[in-house]
Structure formats: structure tokens, C-alpha cells
Amino acid sequence: MVADSDSKVAWHRAQLKKNRTVLKQIETARFTVGESADGKALELTKRQVAELQLKIRESEQVIAQHDKQTRRPLATDLRSLSNVAWRNWTGNGPR
């Protein structure tokens, strides 16, 4: 993983990793132990999963936007390079 100069993006990367781990644990427990017959517990689990998925999506969007603005294209063929808007890319990152 590349170190981020932007602390907001670094925070989102850490949150993304944490939230994915928690979501994986919830889903693994649900399939290994089974779902509770208690309606309240089931609703709470569904709400937690939905909240985690929302947080993951938000972090992914922030990271994708940052990567789109700061990273140069990795492909070096003419077709890939001709589709890049170079005016949006700066070698020093966002200011």
C-alpha cells in the first residue's frame, strides 16, 4: 500500500480495512453459528450490515476520487495515454 500524504484518505483507507474485517466477521458468524430466531437480534444484525456497507461504499468513493486525481495512468500504450486528461493530473498531488 502506498503511503498517503492526505490524512483524510489515509483515514478512509484504515476505516475501509476495519469495516471490511467487521463485516466479514458478522457474515462468517452468521453462516457458522446460524441466525438467531430472535427478531430484534436479526433486525440489529441487518442494520449493522447495512451501516457497514454504507461506510465501506463512502470510503471507497473518497479513495477512488483521490486516486483518480493524483495517480497517473499505468498503461503506456498510445490508446490508453490518449484518453487521459493530463490537465487534471499534477505530479505533486493535491494542494
C-alpha atoms as a PDB file:
ATOM      1  CA  MET A   1       0.000   0.000   0.000  1.00  0.00           C
ATOM      2  CA  VAL A   2       1.227   3.459  -0.854  1.00  0.00           C
ATOM      3  CA  ALA A   3       1.568   5.975   1.966  1.00  0.00           C
ATOM      4  CA  ASP A   4      -0.890   8.851   1.637  1.00  0.00           C
ATOM      5  CA  SER A   5       0.105  12.456   2.057  1.00  0.00           C
ATOM      6  CA  ASP A   6      -3.565  13.324   2.576  1.00  0.00           C
ATOM      7  CA  SER A   7      -4.606  12.320   6.110  1.00  0.00           C
ATOM      8  CA  LYS A   8      -8.288  12.153   5.109  1.00  0.00           C
ATOM      9  CA  VAL A   9      -7.537   9.476   2.506  1.00  0.00           C
ATOM     10  CA  ALA A  10      -5.292   7.584   4.924  1.00  0.00           C
ATOM     11  CA  TRP A  11      -8.097   7.614   7.498  1.00  0.00           C
ATOM     12  CA  HIS A  12     -10.580   6.296   4.926  1.00  0.00           C
ATOM     13  CA  ARG A  13      -8.160   3.514   3.937  1.00  0.00           C
ATOM     14  CA  ALA A  14      -7.871   2.463   7.602  1.00  0.00           C
ATOM     15  CA  GLN A  15     -11.647   2.629   8.084  1.00  0.00           C
ATOM     16  CA  LEU A  16     -12.201   0.623   4.921  1.00  0.00           C
ATOM     17  CA  LYS A  17      -9.934  -2.144   6.164  1.00  0.00           C
ATOM     18  CA  LYS A  18     -11.556  -2.130   9.617  1.00  0.00           C
ATOM     19  CA  ASN A  19     -15.133  -2.106   8.303  1.00  0.00           C
ATOM     20  CA  ARG A  20     -14.448  -4.905   5.813  1.00  0.00           C
ATOM     21  CA  THR A  21     -12.993  -7.012   8.625  1.00  0.00           C
ATOM     22  CA  VAL A  22     -16.019  -6.430  10.867  1.00  0.00           C
ATOM     23  CA  LEU A  23     -18.426  -7.175   8.017  1.00  0.00           C
ATOM     24  CA  LYS A  24     -16.569 -10.394   7.241  1.00  0.00           C
ATOM     25  CA  GLN A  25     -16.756 -11.428  10.907  1.00  0.00           C
ATOM     26  CA  ILE A  26     -20.509 -10.788  11.045  1.00  0.00           C
ATOM     27  CA  GLU A  27     -21.160 -12.750   7.859  1.00  0.00           C
ATOM     28  CA  THR A  28     -18.872 -15.594   8.920  1.00  0.00           C
ATOM     29  CA  ALA A  29     -20.590 -15.852  12.308  1.00  0.00           C
ATOM     30  CA  ARG A  30     -23.972 -15.837  10.624  1.00  0.00           C
ATOM     31  CA  PHE A  31     -23.083 -18.841   8.480  1.00  0.00           C
ATOM     32  CA  THR A  32     -21.048 -20.820  11.021  1.00  0.00           C
ATOM     33  CA  VAL A  33     -23.269 -20.288  14.074  1.00  0.00           C
ATOM     34  CA  GLY A  34     -26.549 -19.632  12.298  1.00  0.00           C
ATOM     35  CA  GLU A  35     -29.034 -16.817  12.523  1.00  0.00           C
ATOM     36  CA  SER A  36     -30.869 -16.092  15.718  1.00  0.00           C
ATOM     37  CA  ALA A  37     -34.581 -16.732  15.893  1.00  0.00           C
ATOM     38  CA  ASP A  38     -34.925 -13.519  17.904  1.00  0.00           C
ATOM     39  CA  GLY A  39     -36.466 -10.842  15.688  1.00  0.00           C
ATOM     40  CA  LYS A  40     -34.700  -7.987  17.448  1.00  0.00           C
ATOM     41  CA  ALA A  41     -31.282  -9.600  17.099  1.00  0.00           C
ATOM     42  CA  LEU A  42     -31.922 -10.323  13.432  1.00  0.00           C
ATOM     43  CA  GLU A  43     -33.003  -6.744  12.785  1.00  0.00           C
ATOM     44  CA  LEU A  44     -29.970  -5.392  14.647  1.00  0.00           C
ATOM     45  CA  THR A  45     -27.641  -7.546  12.562  1.00  0.00           C
ATOM     46  CA  LYS A  46     -29.292  -6.406   9.330  1.00  0.00           C
ATOM     47  CA  ARG A  47     -28.979  -2.793  10.412  1.00  0.00           C
ATOM     48  CA  GLN A  48     -25.287  -3.246  11.297  1.00  0.00           C
ATOM     49  CA  VAL A  49     -24.557  -4.883   7.939  1.00  0.00           C
ATOM     50  CA  ALA A  50     -26.349  -2.102   6.044  1.00  0.00           C
ATOM     51  CA  GLU A  51     -24.473   0.564   8.028  1.00  0.00           C
ATOM     52  CA  LEU A  52     -21.121  -1.106   7.409  1.00  0.00           C
ATOM     53  CA  GLN A  53     -21.835  -1.443   3.691  1.00  0.00           C
ATOM     54  CA  LEU A  54     -22.699   2.254   3.524  1.00  0.00           C
ATOM     55  CA  LYS A  55     -19.477   3.215   5.323  1.00  0.00           C
ATOM     56  CA  ILE A  56     -17.454   0.950   3.028  1.00  0.00           C
ATOM     57  CA  ARG A  57     -19.052   2.488  -0.058  1.00  0.00           C
ATOM     58  CA  GLU A  58     -18.352   6.036   1.171  1.00  0.00           C
ATOM     59  CA  SER A  59     -14.706   5.248   1.921  1.00  0.00           C
ATOM     60  CA  GLU A  60     -14.277   3.569  -1.459  1.00  0.00           C
ATOM     61  CA  GLN A  61     -15.673   6.660  -3.186  1.00  0.00           C
ATOM     62  CA  VAL A  62     -13.310   9.014  -1.340  1.00  0.00           C
ATOM     63  CA  ILE A  63     -10.313   6.796  -2.117  1.00  0.00           C
ATOM     64  CA  ALA A  64     -11.324   6.370  -5.766  1.00  0.00           C
ATOM     65  CA  GLN A  65     -11.718  10.133  -6.198  1.00  0.00           C
ATOM     66  CA  HIS A  66      -8.301  10.728  -4.655  1.00  0.00           C
ATOM     67  CA  ASP A  67      -6.662   8.058  -6.811  1.00  0.00           C
ATOM     68  CA  LYS A  68      -8.334   9.416  -9.925  1.00  0.00           C
ATOM     69  CA  GLN A  69      -6.958  12.899  -9.259  1.00  0.00           C
ATOM     70  CA  THR A  70      -3.436  12.016  -8.164  1.00  0.00           C
ATOM     71  CA  ARG A  71      -2.317   8.861  -9.921  1.00  0.00           C
ATOM     72  CA  ARG A  72      -1.022   8.863 -13.427  1.00  0.00           C
ATOM     73  CA  PRO A  73      -2.027   6.056 -15.779  1.00  0.00           C
ATOM     74  CA  LEU A  74      -0.030   2.848 -15.534  1.00  0.00           C
ATOM     75  CA  ALA A  75      -0.525   1.799 -19.153  1.00  0.00           C
ATOM     76  CA  THR A  76       1.927   3.199 -21.653  1.00  0.00           C
ATOM     77  CA  ASP A  77       0.275   2.359 -24.953  1.00  0.00           C
ATOM     78  CA  LEU A  78      -0.853   5.235 -27.160  1.00  0.00           C
ATOM     79  CA  ARG A  79      -4.574   4.441 -26.900  1.00  0.00           C
ATOM     80  CA  SER A  80      -4.551   4.487 -23.076  1.00  0.00           C
ATOM     81  CA  LEU A  81      -2.479   7.642 -22.911  1.00  0.00           C
ATOM     82  CA  SER A  82      -4.638   9.487 -25.443  1.00  0.00           C
ATOM     83  CA  ASN A  83      -7.731   9.035 -23.230  1.00  0.00           C
ATOM     84  CA  VAL A  84      -6.148  10.726 -20.205  1.00  0.00           C
ATOM     85  CA  ALA A  85      -6.946  14.342 -19.347  1.00  0.00           C
ATOM     86  CA  TRP A  86      -3.437  15.424 -18.366  1.00  0.00           C
ATOM     87  CA  ARG A  87      -4.578  18.873 -17.255  1.00  0.00           C
ATOM     88  CA  ASN A  88      -6.179  17.226 -14.203  1.00  0.00           C
ATOM     89  CA  TRP A  89      -3.026  15.405 -13.158  1.00  0.00           C
ATOM     90  CA  THR A  90      -0.300  17.001 -11.082  1.00  0.00           C
ATOM     91  CA  GLY A  91       2.930  15.286 -10.156  1.00  0.00           C
ATOM     92  CA  ASN A  92       2.967  16.842  -6.697  1.00  0.00           C
ATOM     93  CA  GLY A  93      -0.500  15.678  -5.668  1.00  0.00           C
ATOM     94  CA  PRO A  94      -3.384  17.871  -4.488  1.00  0.00           C
ATOM     95  CA  ARG A  95      -2.618  21.238  -2.988  1.00  0.00           C
END
